[in-house]
């Protein structure tokens, strides 16, 4: 049975510990910043791991190490761990940052470990998760060939789906994930606040949009964005667009107006692929700029 150390007990670290433990790995070591971070794992692992604070780690006597600290601490953590441990080193060391390359772990590479990054493309909202949280989750992999091969083995054991990111591509990859997840959350919040102005209370505003959002996401599976576009931009309805912008301006909703205009430009580009003529597209663009 392969042994694993997890350094950093945030949401990703806790989720990985439970998922790996349930997938045939032995979580042998846990390194934490605050002892309270370990509490969500109490009684949830098959074997009792060695638990240590960052300042008291003497060795990492495992096959695989995951560093799941915040991005700004990954390189520093790698340097400090390599400086403390003896001749036994993990054969494979990974970090779980979406934005950073595996070069952050170069201290371990210099000591003979294979290094890589393994980023789960999934929102993890808290530390208390199901062991199968990564089932069908896509994982972005990057690093040395040996590390990528091991990462693929790990992801498949978690019943996830691995894909490769080219060297130098992590920042753009992560920015795309932020737009699709974090910015989507912000966009929905803007929509909810707009509904409050139309007379709905907060509970209703948070509820009525969900079937619409879920239906849109389902429609996007296996299809191009322009194919599932709906609404006034898809129809070339510049009058409705102008009506929307007028009410947003009159209500003083500058954030919503800015979002509407920015995404409106992109919607026009999508609509031009199938639904509207060049003249209709130009009329829509004029409406956005008035």
Protein backbone atom coordinates (compact mmCIF):
# COMPACT_ATOMS: atom_id res chain seq x y z
CA UNK A 1 0.00 0.00 0.00
CA UNK A 2 1.43 3.37 -1.01
CA UNK A 3 1.88 5.86 1.80
CA UNK A 4 0.99 9.55 1.57
CA UNK A 5 1.80 12.70 3.51
CA UNK A 6 -0.44 15.73 3.25
CA UNK A 7 1.06 19.08 4.17
CA UNK A 8 -1.61 21.68 4.85
CA UNK A 9 -5.05 20.88 6.20
CA UNK A 10 -7.26 23.34 4.36
CA UNK A 11 -10.28 22.31 2.34
CA UNK A 12 -8.29 20.57 -0.40
CA UNK A 13 -5.98 18.83 2.06
CA UNK A 14 -8.84 17.44 4.12
CA UNK A 15 -10.73 16.33 1.01
CA UNK A 16 -7.65 14.59 -0.40
CA UNK A 17 -6.93 12.83 2.89
CA UNK A 18 -10.39 11.26 3.01
CA UNK A 19 -10.51 10.45 -0.71
CA UNK A 20 -7.04 8.87 -0.81
CA UNK A 21 -7.72 6.88 2.35
CA UNK A 22 -10.89 5.48 0.77
CA UNK A 23 -9.08 4.65 -2.49
CA UNK A 24 -6.38 2.28 -1.29
CA UNK A 25 -3.68 4.68 -0.10
CA UNK A 26 -2.52 4.97 3.51
CA UNK A 27 -2.43 8.54 4.78
CA UNK A 28 0.61 8.10 7.01
CA UNK A 29 1.46 11.71 7.85
CA UNK A 30 -0.44 14.96 8.25
CA UNK A 31 1.26 18.30 8.69
CA UNK A 32 -0.86 21.18 9.93
CA UNK A 33 -0.62 24.88 10.69
CA UNK A 34 -3.35 24.95 13.34
CA UNK A 35 -4.26 21.79 15.27
CA UNK A 36 -7.95 22.67 14.84
CA UNK A 37 -7.52 22.08 11.09
CA UNK A 38 -7.16 18.34 11.76
CA UNK A 39 -10.46 18.02 13.66
CA UNK A 40 -12.65 17.35 10.58
CA UNK A 41 -10.62 14.15 9.96
CA UNK A 42 -11.07 12.72 13.43
CA UNK A 43 -12.28 9.12 13.15
CA UNK A 44 -12.56 9.28 9.35
CA UNK A 45 -9.29 7.60 8.32
CA UNK A 46 -8.63 3.86 8.43
CA UNK A 47 -5.22 4.24 10.10
CA UNK A 48 -4.03 6.81 12.59
CA UNK A 49 -1.53 9.05 10.79
CA UNK A 50 1.47 10.75 12.35
CA UNK A 51 0.28 14.30 13.02
CA UNK A 52 2.75 17.17 13.32
CA UNK A 53 2.82 20.95 13.08
CA UNK A 54 4.88 22.70 10.42
CA UNK A 55 7.54 23.55 12.96
CA UNK A 56 7.96 20.02 14.31
CA UNK A 57 8.26 17.91 11.14
CA UNK A 58 11.37 15.74 11.38
CA UNK A 59 10.89 13.45 8.36
CA UNK A 60 8.56 12.63 5.48
CA UNK A 61 8.88 8.86 5.41
CA UNK A 62 6.28 8.29 2.68
CA UNK A 63 6.02 7.41 -1.00
CA UNK A 64 3.98 10.45 -2.04
CA UNK A 65 3.69 13.95 -0.58
CA UNK A 66 0.97 16.48 -1.36
CA UNK A 67 1.60 20.11 -0.43
CA UNK A 68 -1.84 21.72 -0.18
CA UNK A 69 -0.97 25.04 1.43
CA UNK A 70 -2.04 28.38 -0.04
CA UNK A 71 -0.19 29.27 -3.22
CA UNK A 72 2.09 31.89 -1.66
CA UNK A 73 3.47 29.33 0.82
CA UNK A 74 4.18 26.39 -1.51
CA UNK A 75 7.78 27.24 -2.45
CA UNK A 76 8.63 28.32 1.07
CA UNK A 77 7.11 25.14 2.51
CA UNK A 78 9.04 22.94 0.08
CA UNK A 79 12.32 24.64 0.98
CA UNK A 80 11.71 24.32 4.72
CA UNK A 81 10.76 20.63 4.52
CA UNK A 82 13.73 19.63 2.40
CA UNK A 83 15.99 21.43 4.86
CA UNK A 84 14.67 19.41 7.80
CA UNK A 85 14.26 15.84 6.59
CA UNK A 86 17.03 13.27 6.41
CA UNK A 87 18.12 11.02 3.57
CA UNK A 88 14.67 9.47 3.08
CA UNK A 89 12.64 11.62 0.72
CA UNK A 90 9.23 11.11 -0.89
CA UNK A 91 9.66 9.70 -4.38
CA UNK A 92 6.86 11.92 -5.66
CA UNK A 93 5.91 15.41 -4.47
CA UNK A 94 2.90 17.31 -5.78
CA UNK A 95 1.21 20.60 -5.03
CA UNK A 96 -2.46 21.29 -5.69
CA UNK A 97 -2.34 24.91 -6.87
CA UNK A 98 -4.29 25.69 -10.01
CA UNK A 99 -2.18 28.70 -10.98
CA UNK A 100 1.40 27.68 -10.15
CA UNK A 101 3.78 25.37 -12.00
CA UNK A 102 5.58 22.43 -10.44
CA UNK A 103 8.80 24.48 -10.40
CA UNK A 104 7.59 25.73 -6.99
CA UNK A 105 8.75 22.34 -5.72
CA UNK A 106 12.24 22.56 -7.21
CA UNK A 107 13.79 22.09 -3.76
CA UNK A 108 12.46 18.52 -3.81
CA UNK A 109 13.58 18.00 -7.40
CA UNK A 110 17.12 18.91 -6.38
CA UNK A 111 16.95 16.26 -3.67
CA UNK A 112 15.88 13.55 -6.11
CA UNK A 113 12.07 13.57 -5.94
CA UNK A 114 9.84 13.71 -9.02
CA UNK A 115 7.67 16.83 -8.86
CA UNK A 116 4.34 17.81 -10.36
CA UNK A 117 1.09 19.69 -9.82
CA UNK A 118 -2.31 18.03 -9.45
CA UNK A 119 -5.24 20.45 -9.48
CA UNK A 120 -8.81 19.20 -8.94
CA UNK A 121 -11.13 21.21 -11.15
CA UNK A 122 -13.87 21.26 -8.53
CA UNK A 123 -15.20 23.69 -5.96
CA UNK A 124 -14.57 22.43 -2.41
CA UNK A 125 -16.59 24.68 -0.08
CA UNK A 126 -15.59 23.20 3.31
CA UNK A 127 -13.34 20.70 5.12
CA UNK A 128 -16.06 18.11 5.78
CA UNK A 129 -16.53 16.16 2.55
CA UNK A 130 -17.57 12.74 1.27
CA UNK A 131 -14.75 10.31 0.45
CA UNK A 132 -16.01 10.15 -3.16
CA UNK A 133 -15.90 13.94 -3.66
CA UNK A 134 -13.48 13.55 -6.58
CA UNK A 135 -15.53 10.97 -8.50
CA UNK A 136 -15.80 12.15 -12.14
CA UNK A 137 -13.77 15.27 -11.26
CA UNK A 138 -11.31 16.48 -13.87
CA UNK A 139 -7.72 17.01 -12.66
CA UNK A 140 -5.21 19.28 -14.41
CA UNK A 141 -1.74 17.65 -14.34
CA UNK A 142 1.65 19.20 -15.00
CA UNK A 143 5.23 18.26 -14.13
CA UNK A 144 7.95 15.76 -14.93
CA UNK A 145 6.97 12.71 -17.04
CA UNK A 146 7.45 10.41 -14.04
CA UNK A 147 5.31 12.65 -11.81
CA UNK A 148 2.55 12.91 -14.42
CA UNK A 149 2.45 9.11 -14.77
CA UNK A 150 2.08 8.73 -11.00
CA UNK A 151 -0.52 11.53 -10.87
CA UNK A 152 -2.60 9.75 -13.53
CA UNK A 153 -2.50 6.59 -11.39
CA UNK A 154 -3.65 8.54 -8.32
CA UNK A 155 -6.45 10.38 -10.16
CA UNK A 156 -7.78 7.14 -11.64
CA UNK A 157 -7.77 5.56 -8.17
CA UNK A 158 -9.93 8.49 -7.04
CA UNK A 159 -12.26 7.75 -10.00
CA UNK A 160 -11.33 11.13 -11.46
CA UNK A 161 -10.38 12.12 -15.00
CA UNK A 162 -6.85 13.41 -15.67
CA UNK A 163 -5.82 15.85 -18.39
CA UNK A 164 -2.48 17.46 -19.15
CA UNK A 165 -1.55 21.16 -19.06
CA UNK A 166 1.36 22.36 -21.17
CA UNK A 167 4.38 23.93 -19.42
CA UNK A 168 3.68 27.62 -18.92
CA UNK A 169 -0.07 27.12 -19.23
CA UNK A 170 -1.11 26.95 -15.59
CA UNK A 171 -1.92 30.65 -15.05
CA UNK A 172 -4.23 30.82 -18.09
CA UNK A 173 -5.80 27.49 -17.17
CA UNK A 174 -6.54 28.72 -13.66
CA UNK A 175 -7.87 32.06 -14.89
CA UNK A 176 -10.33 30.12 -17.06
CA UNK A 177 -11.43 28.11 -14.01
CA UNK A 178 -11.96 31.29 -12.00
CA UNK A 179 -14.14 32.78 -14.74
CA UNK A 180 -16.19 29.57 -14.96
CA UNK A 181 -16.64 29.13 -11.21
CA UNK A 182 -15.80 32.18 -9.08
CA UNK A 183 -16.98 34.73 -11.62
CA UNK A 184 -20.09 32.68 -12.35
CA UNK A 185 -20.93 32.88 -8.66
CA UNK A 186 -20.42 36.65 -8.74
CA UNK A 187 -22.53 36.94 -11.90
CA UNK A 188 -25.40 35.06 -10.30
CA UNK A 189 -25.16 37.33 -7.25
CA UNK A 190 -25.55 40.37 -9.56
CA UNK A 191 -28.67 38.76 -11.07
CA UNK A 192 -30.13 38.05 -7.64
CA UNK A 193 -29.65 41.66 -6.56
CA UNK A 194 -31.37 42.84 -9.73
CA UNK A 195 -34.36 40.65 -8.84
CA UNK A 196 -34.57 42.29 -5.42
CA UNK A 197 -35.26 45.56 -7.25
CA UNK A 198 -38.16 43.98 -9.09
CA UNK A 199 -39.97 43.14 -5.85
CA UNK A 200 -38.72 39.65 -4.94
CA UNK A 201 -37.42 38.94 -1.46
CA UNK A 202 -33.98 37.43 -0.94
CA UNK A 203 -35.25 33.87 -0.59
CA UNK A 204 -37.20 34.02 -3.84
CA UNK A 205 -34.39 35.80 -5.67
CA UNK A 206 -32.03 33.01 -4.63
CA UNK A 207 -34.52 30.32 -5.72
CA UNK A 208 -36.16 31.29 -8.98
CA UNK A 209 -32.94 31.59 -10.99
CA UNK A 210 -31.64 28.10 -10.16
CA UNK A 211 -33.73 26.06 -12.66
CA UNK A 212 -32.76 28.55 -15.37
CA UNK A 213 -29.07 28.28 -14.48
CA UNK A 214 -29.15 24.49 -14.18
CA UNK A 215 -30.96 24.17 -17.51
CA UNK A 216 -28.39 26.38 -19.24
CA UNK A 217 -25.51 24.33 -17.86
CA UNK A 218 -27.15 21.09 -18.99
CA UNK A 219 -27.66 22.55 -22.47
CA UNK A 220 -23.96 23.34 -22.74
CA UNK A 221 -22.87 19.71 -22.36
CA UNK A 222 -21.40 18.58 -25.68
CA UNK A 223 -22.51 21.72 -27.51
CA UNK A 224 -20.94 25.01 -28.57
CA UNK A 225 -21.90 28.15 -26.64
CA UNK A 226 -23.46 29.82 -29.70
CA UNK A 227 -25.75 26.82 -30.18
CA UNK A 228 -27.45 27.28 -26.80
CA UNK A 229 -27.49 31.08 -26.70
CA UNK A 230 -30.96 32.51 -26.02
CA UNK A 231 -32.45 35.91 -25.25
CA UNK A 232 -32.44 39.31 -26.96
CA UNK A 233 -28.89 39.05 -28.29
CA UNK A 234 -29.66 35.72 -29.97
CA UNK A 235 -32.80 37.28 -31.51
CA UNK A 236 -31.15 40.55 -32.53
CA UNK A 237 -33.65 42.45 -30.34
CA UNK A 238 -31.92 45.80 -29.83
CA UNK A 239 -35.06 47.44 -28.41
CA UNK A 240 -35.13 45.05 -25.47
CA UNK A 241 -31.41 45.53 -24.89
CA UNK A 242 -31.91 49.30 -24.76
CA UNK A 243 -34.82 48.86 -22.34
CA UNK A 244 -32.64 46.74 -20.07
CA UNK A 245 -29.80 49.26 -20.07
CA UNK A 246 -32.17 52.17 -19.43
CA UNK A 247 -33.61 50.59 -16.29
CA UNK A 248 -30.16 49.63 -15.00
CA UNK A 249 -28.97 53.20 -15.50
CA UNK A 250 -32.09 54.72 -13.92
CA UNK A 251 -31.79 52.39 -10.93
CA UNK A 252 -28.13 53.33 -10.48
CA UNK A 253 -26.95 49.74 -10.86
CA UNK A 254 -23.58 50.54 -12.37
CA UNK A 255 -22.07 47.14 -11.63
CA UNK A 256 -24.93 45.32 -13.34
CA UNK A 257 -24.82 47.75 -16.26
CA UNK A 258 -21.09 47.14 -16.74
CA UNK A 259 -21.56 43.36 -16.59
CA UNK A 260 -24.49 43.51 -19.01
CA UNK A 261 -22.50 45.54 -21.56
CA UNK A 262 -19.35 43.43 -21.31
CA UNK A 263 -21.14 40.10 -21.66
CA UNK A 264 -23.44 41.63 -24.25
CA UNK A 265 -20.49 42.22 -26.57
CA UNK A 266 -19.51 38.57 -26.23
CA UNK A 267 -23.11 37.45 -26.78
CA UNK A 268 -23.23 39.43 -30.03
CA UNK A 269 -20.11 37.62 -31.24
CA UNK A 270 -21.76 34.30 -30.42
CA UNK A 271 -25.04 35.26 -32.06
CA UNK A 272 -23.26 36.23 -35.28
CA UNK A 273 -22.08 32.65 -35.68
CA UNK A 274 -25.61 31.48 -36.51
CA UNK A 275 -28.54 33.62 -35.42
CA UNK A 276 -28.23 37.23 -36.58
CA UNK A 277 -27.02 39.22 -39.57
CA UNK A 278 -24.14 41.71 -39.60
CA UNK A 279 -26.63 44.58 -39.64
CA UNK A 280 -28.48 43.21 -36.60
CA UNK A 281 -25.17 42.72 -34.80
CA UNK A 282 -24.19 46.33 -35.50
CA UNK A 283 -27.53 47.59 -34.16
CA UNK A 284 -26.99 45.61 -30.96
CA UNK A 285 -23.50 47.06 -30.57
CA UNK A 286 -24.89 50.58 -31.02
CA UNK A 287 -27.45 49.85 -28.30
CA UNK A 288 -24.71 48.81 -25.90
CA UNK A 289 -22.74 52.02 -26.55
CA UNK A 290 -25.60 54.49 -26.22
